[in-house]
Amino acid sequence: MGREASCQCTWAEEAGACKVLLESRELIVRGAIRRRVPISSLTDVTAKGEQLIFRVGQDKVTLHLGVELSQRWAKAIATPPPSLAKKLGISPASQLLLIGQVEDNELKAAIAEAGTTDGKEVDLILACVKTPAELDRALKQCSASARSSVWIIYPKGSGKQLGESAIREQLHSRGFIDTKVASVSATLTALRFARRIS
């Protein structure tokens, strides 16, 4: 979600000016009150006038966000984020070609929702890579399935052997364009590419 607002906050008996961040999986409050709670722990969420009101356990929480923002945040909290499978475009009908080691549990669960293939009838490629050499090998395997979308899944953060700019450079030089970015887990991120149409 990535929503952020500065507002007056009342959390049980505490009150004060805060910066509140509404992320896809958690609510973070900084300033006079400091809290970090999972979105799943918010109950009785309602927008009343300028206030967003909800409960966390026994605590009643009120955020003075304004009429429009209160309604938008209430709707965002009530709408669960898409599953990883949905973000990656994986469905039971998907025919995946998996390249590289799949070590992440969230990614394994997303992949389990699809069919796998020997590479002859592929509609989606997932390539898990950590190094430039692994990326090069993956791209050689991708060439046989030229019409498929390709997700390059790689470790997040600086100091890794392979980063976003190097991946984009390699794929652009081979006739691909990047079409989407997705967070896979706390440690992995992904870039989706498609063949450039001449």
Protein backbone atom coordinates (compact mmCIF):
# COMPACT_ATOMS: atom_id res chain seq x y z
CA MET A 1 0.00 0.00 0.00
CA GLY A 2 2.69 2.46 1.05
CA ARG A 3 0.36 5.14 2.48
CA GLU A 4 1.68 7.79 4.84
CA ALA A 5 0.09 10.63 6.83
CA SER A 6 0.91 13.04 9.64
CA CYS A 7 -2.02 13.29 12.04
CA GLN A 8 -3.24 13.45 15.61
CA CYS A 9 -3.44 9.95 17.07
CA THR A 10 -5.16 8.58 20.15
CA TRP A 11 -4.11 5.06 21.17
CA ALA A 12 -5.91 3.87 24.30
CA GLU A 13 -4.84 6.44 26.95
CA GLU A 14 -2.03 8.02 24.86
CA ALA A 15 -2.46 10.94 22.44
CA GLY A 16 -0.19 13.08 20.30
CA ALA A 17 1.05 14.12 16.87
CA CYS A 18 2.30 11.15 14.85
CA LYS A 19 3.42 10.02 11.45
CA VAL A 20 1.45 6.92 10.45
CA LEU A 21 2.46 4.49 7.70
CA LEU A 22 0.01 1.97 6.29
CA GLU A 23 2.04 -0.75 4.59
CA SER A 24 0.68 -3.89 2.93
CA ARG A 25 1.15 -6.01 6.05
CA GLU A 26 1.56 -3.60 8.96
CA LEU A 27 0.63 -0.26 10.47
CA ILE A 28 3.55 1.79 11.82
CA VAL A 29 3.06 4.77 14.15
CA ARG A 30 5.98 7.11 14.90
CA GLY A 31 6.22 10.30 16.93
CA ALA A 32 4.45 10.91 20.26
CA ILE A 33 3.17 7.31 20.10
CA ARG A 34 5.27 4.45 18.76
CA ARG A 35 3.64 1.22 17.59
CA ARG A 36 4.14 -1.41 14.90
CA VAL A 37 1.24 -3.85 14.44
CA PRO A 38 0.14 -6.30 11.73
CA ILE A 39 -2.78 -5.13 9.59
CA SER A 40 -4.44 -8.44 10.43
CA SER A 41 -4.66 -7.34 14.09
CA LEU A 42 -6.85 -4.29 13.28
CA THR A 43 -10.53 -4.91 14.05
CA ASP A 44 -13.77 -2.87 13.98
CA VAL A 45 -12.29 -0.55 11.32
CA THR A 46 -14.58 2.38 10.47
CA ALA A 47 -14.29 5.85 8.97
CA LYS A 48 -16.36 8.35 10.98
CA GLY A 49 -16.18 11.85 9.55
CA GLU A 50 -12.54 12.94 9.77
CA GLN A 51 -11.52 9.97 11.93
CA LEU A 52 -10.34 6.48 11.19
CA ILE A 53 -11.28 4.36 14.21
CA PHE A 54 -10.26 0.76 14.92
CA ARG A 55 -9.19 -1.59 17.68
CA VAL A 56 -5.91 -3.39 18.29
CA GLY A 57 -6.64 -5.96 20.98
CA GLN A 58 -8.39 -4.05 23.77
CA ASP A 59 -7.00 -0.66 22.64
CA LYS A 60 -9.24 1.79 20.79
CA VAL A 61 -7.26 3.79 18.21
CA THR A 62 -8.35 7.01 16.50
CA LEU A 63 -6.43 8.65 13.65
CA HIS A 64 -7.56 12.15 12.65
CA LEU A 65 -6.86 11.82 8.92
CA GLY A 66 -9.61 13.97 7.40
CA VAL A 67 -12.77 12.76 5.68
CA GLU A 68 -11.30 11.59 2.38
CA LEU A 69 -8.17 9.93 3.79
CA SER A 70 -10.12 8.17 6.56
CA GLN A 71 -12.42 6.57 3.98
CA ARG A 72 -9.55 5.55 1.70
CA TRP A 73 -7.52 4.03 4.53
CA ALA A 74 -10.55 2.12 5.88
CA LYS A 75 -11.12 0.65 2.42
CA ALA A 76 -7.41 -0.23 2.03
CA ILE A 77 -7.35 -1.99 5.41
CA ALA A 78 -10.50 -3.96 4.53
CA THR A 79 -9.04 -5.05 1.17
CA PRO A 80 -6.43 -7.76 1.64
CA PRO A 81 -3.25 -7.39 -0.43
CA PRO A 82 -2.94 -9.66 -3.45
CA SER A 83 -1.23 -12.99 -2.90
CA LEU A 84 2.30 -13.44 -4.23
CA ALA A 85 0.93 -15.84 -6.86
CA LYS A 86 -1.47 -13.15 -8.08
CA LYS A 87 1.27 -10.48 -8.12
CA LEU A 88 3.42 -12.76 -10.27
CA GLY A 89 0.53 -13.73 -12.56
CA ILE A 90 0.50 -17.38 -11.43
CA SER A 91 -2.79 -19.27 -11.62
CA PRO A 92 -3.74 -22.97 -11.71
CA ALA A 93 -3.74 -22.72 -15.52
CA SER A 94 -0.19 -21.29 -15.66
CA GLN A 95 2.52 -23.35 -17.30
CA LEU A 96 5.73 -22.36 -15.51
CA LEU A 97 9.30 -22.92 -16.46
CA LEU A 98 11.40 -22.71 -13.28
CA ILE A 99 15.06 -21.84 -13.60
CA GLY A 100 17.45 -21.88 -10.65
CA GLN A 101 17.07 -22.79 -6.99
CA VAL A 102 13.76 -21.86 -5.32
CA GLU A 103 14.69 -21.54 -1.64
CA ASP A 104 12.12 -19.01 -0.38
CA ASN A 105 9.01 -20.50 1.30
CA GLU A 106 6.66 -17.72 0.11
CA LEU A 107 7.83 -18.25 -3.47
CA LYS A 108 7.46 -22.03 -3.15
CA ALA A 109 3.86 -21.56 -2.00
CA ALA A 110 3.10 -19.26 -4.96
CA ILE A 111 4.64 -21.71 -7.43
CA ALA A 112 2.60 -24.56 -5.95
CA GLU A 113 -0.55 -22.88 -7.31
CA ALA A 114 0.51 -23.50 -10.92
CA GLY A 115 1.28 -26.33 -13.25
CA THR A 116 4.90 -26.87 -14.26
CA THR A 117 6.17 -27.81 -17.66
CA ASP A 118 9.18 -29.24 -19.41
CA GLY A 119 9.62 -25.99 -21.32
CA LYS A 120 7.70 -26.85 -24.51
CA GLU A 121 4.46 -25.04 -23.64
CA VAL A 122 5.49 -22.19 -21.35
CA ASP A 123 3.51 -19.05 -20.59
CA LEU A 124 5.57 -17.79 -17.65
CA ILE A 125 9.22 -18.14 -16.70
CA LEU A 126 10.56 -17.68 -13.17
CA ALA A 127 14.33 -17.44 -12.96
CA CYS A 128 15.89 -17.32 -9.48
CA VAL A 129 19.38 -15.86 -9.78
CA LYS A 130 22.05 -14.53 -7.41
CA THR A 131 25.06 -13.90 -9.65
CA PRO A 132 25.76 -12.53 -13.15
CA ALA A 133 26.76 -16.06 -14.26
CA GLU A 134 23.41 -17.48 -13.06
CA LEU A 135 21.59 -14.69 -14.89
CA ASP A 136 23.48 -15.47 -18.09
CA ARG A 137 22.62 -19.19 -17.84
CA ALA A 138 18.97 -18.37 -17.14
CA LEU A 139 18.74 -16.09 -20.17
CA LYS A 140 20.12 -18.84 -22.41
CA GLN A 141 17.33 -21.14 -21.17
CA CYS A 142 14.73 -18.39 -21.72
CA SER A 143 15.57 -18.01 -25.40
CA ALA A 144 13.65 -21.21 -26.28
CA SER A 145 10.46 -19.71 -24.84
CA ALA A 146 10.75 -16.32 -26.48
CA ARG A 147 7.08 -15.36 -26.20
CA SER A 148 6.77 -15.98 -22.46
CA SER A 149 6.99 -13.32 -19.78
CA VAL A 150 10.12 -13.68 -17.65
CA TRP A 151 10.39 -12.90 -13.92
CA ILE A 152 13.97 -12.44 -12.75
CA ILE A 153 13.92 -13.06 -9.00
CA TYR A 154 17.00 -11.92 -7.10
CA PRO A 155 18.17 -10.94 -3.58
CA LYS A 156 17.21 -7.51 -2.21
CA GLY A 157 19.66 -5.00 -0.86
CA SER A 158 22.99 -3.45 -1.60
CA GLY A 159 26.21 -5.42 -1.55
CA LYS A 160 24.73 -8.33 -3.54
CA GLN A 161 26.51 -9.74 -6.59
CA LEU A 162 23.58 -8.86 -8.84
CA GLY A 163 21.48 -5.70 -8.78
CA GLU A 164 18.55 -4.15 -10.61
CA SER A 165 20.57 -2.04 -13.04
CA ALA A 166 22.76 -4.99 -14.12
CA ILE A 167 19.68 -7.16 -14.69
CA ARG A 168 17.93 -4.45 -16.73
CA GLU A 169 21.06 -3.83 -18.79
CA GLN A 170 21.45 -7.55 -19.61
CA LEU A 171 17.82 -8.05 -20.59
CA HIS A 172 17.51 -4.81 -22.57
CA SER A 173 20.59 -5.83 -24.59
CA ARG A 174 18.83 -9.11 -25.45
CA GLY A 175 15.63 -7.48 -26.70
CA PHE A 176 13.51 -7.47 -23.54
CA ILE A 177 11.64 -4.58 -21.92
CA ASP A 178 10.80 -4.47 -18.21
CA THR A 179 7.09 -4.33 -17.46
CA LYS A 180 6.66 -4.75 -13.68
CA VAL A 181 8.42 -4.84 -10.30
CA ALA A 182 7.21 -6.99 -7.38
CA SER A 183 8.37 -7.66 -3.86
CA VAL A 184 8.59 -11.43 -3.38
CA SER A 185 9.55 -11.65 0.29
CA ALA A 186 11.63 -9.90 2.94
CA THR A 187 14.78 -11.03 1.12
CA LEU A 188 13.78 -11.28 -2.56
CA THR A 189 12.51 -8.92 -5.23
CA ALA A 190 11.56 -9.48 -8.87
CA LEU A 191 11.51 -7.75 -12.24
CA ARG A 192 9.20 -8.91 -15.05
CA PHE A 193 10.31 -8.68 -18.67
CA ALA A 194 8.67 -9.31 -22.04
CA ARG A 195 10.15 -9.57 -25.52
CA ARG A 196 10.24 -6.25 -27.33
CA ILE A 197 7.87 -6.37 -30.31
CA SER A 198 9.63 -5.19 -33.45
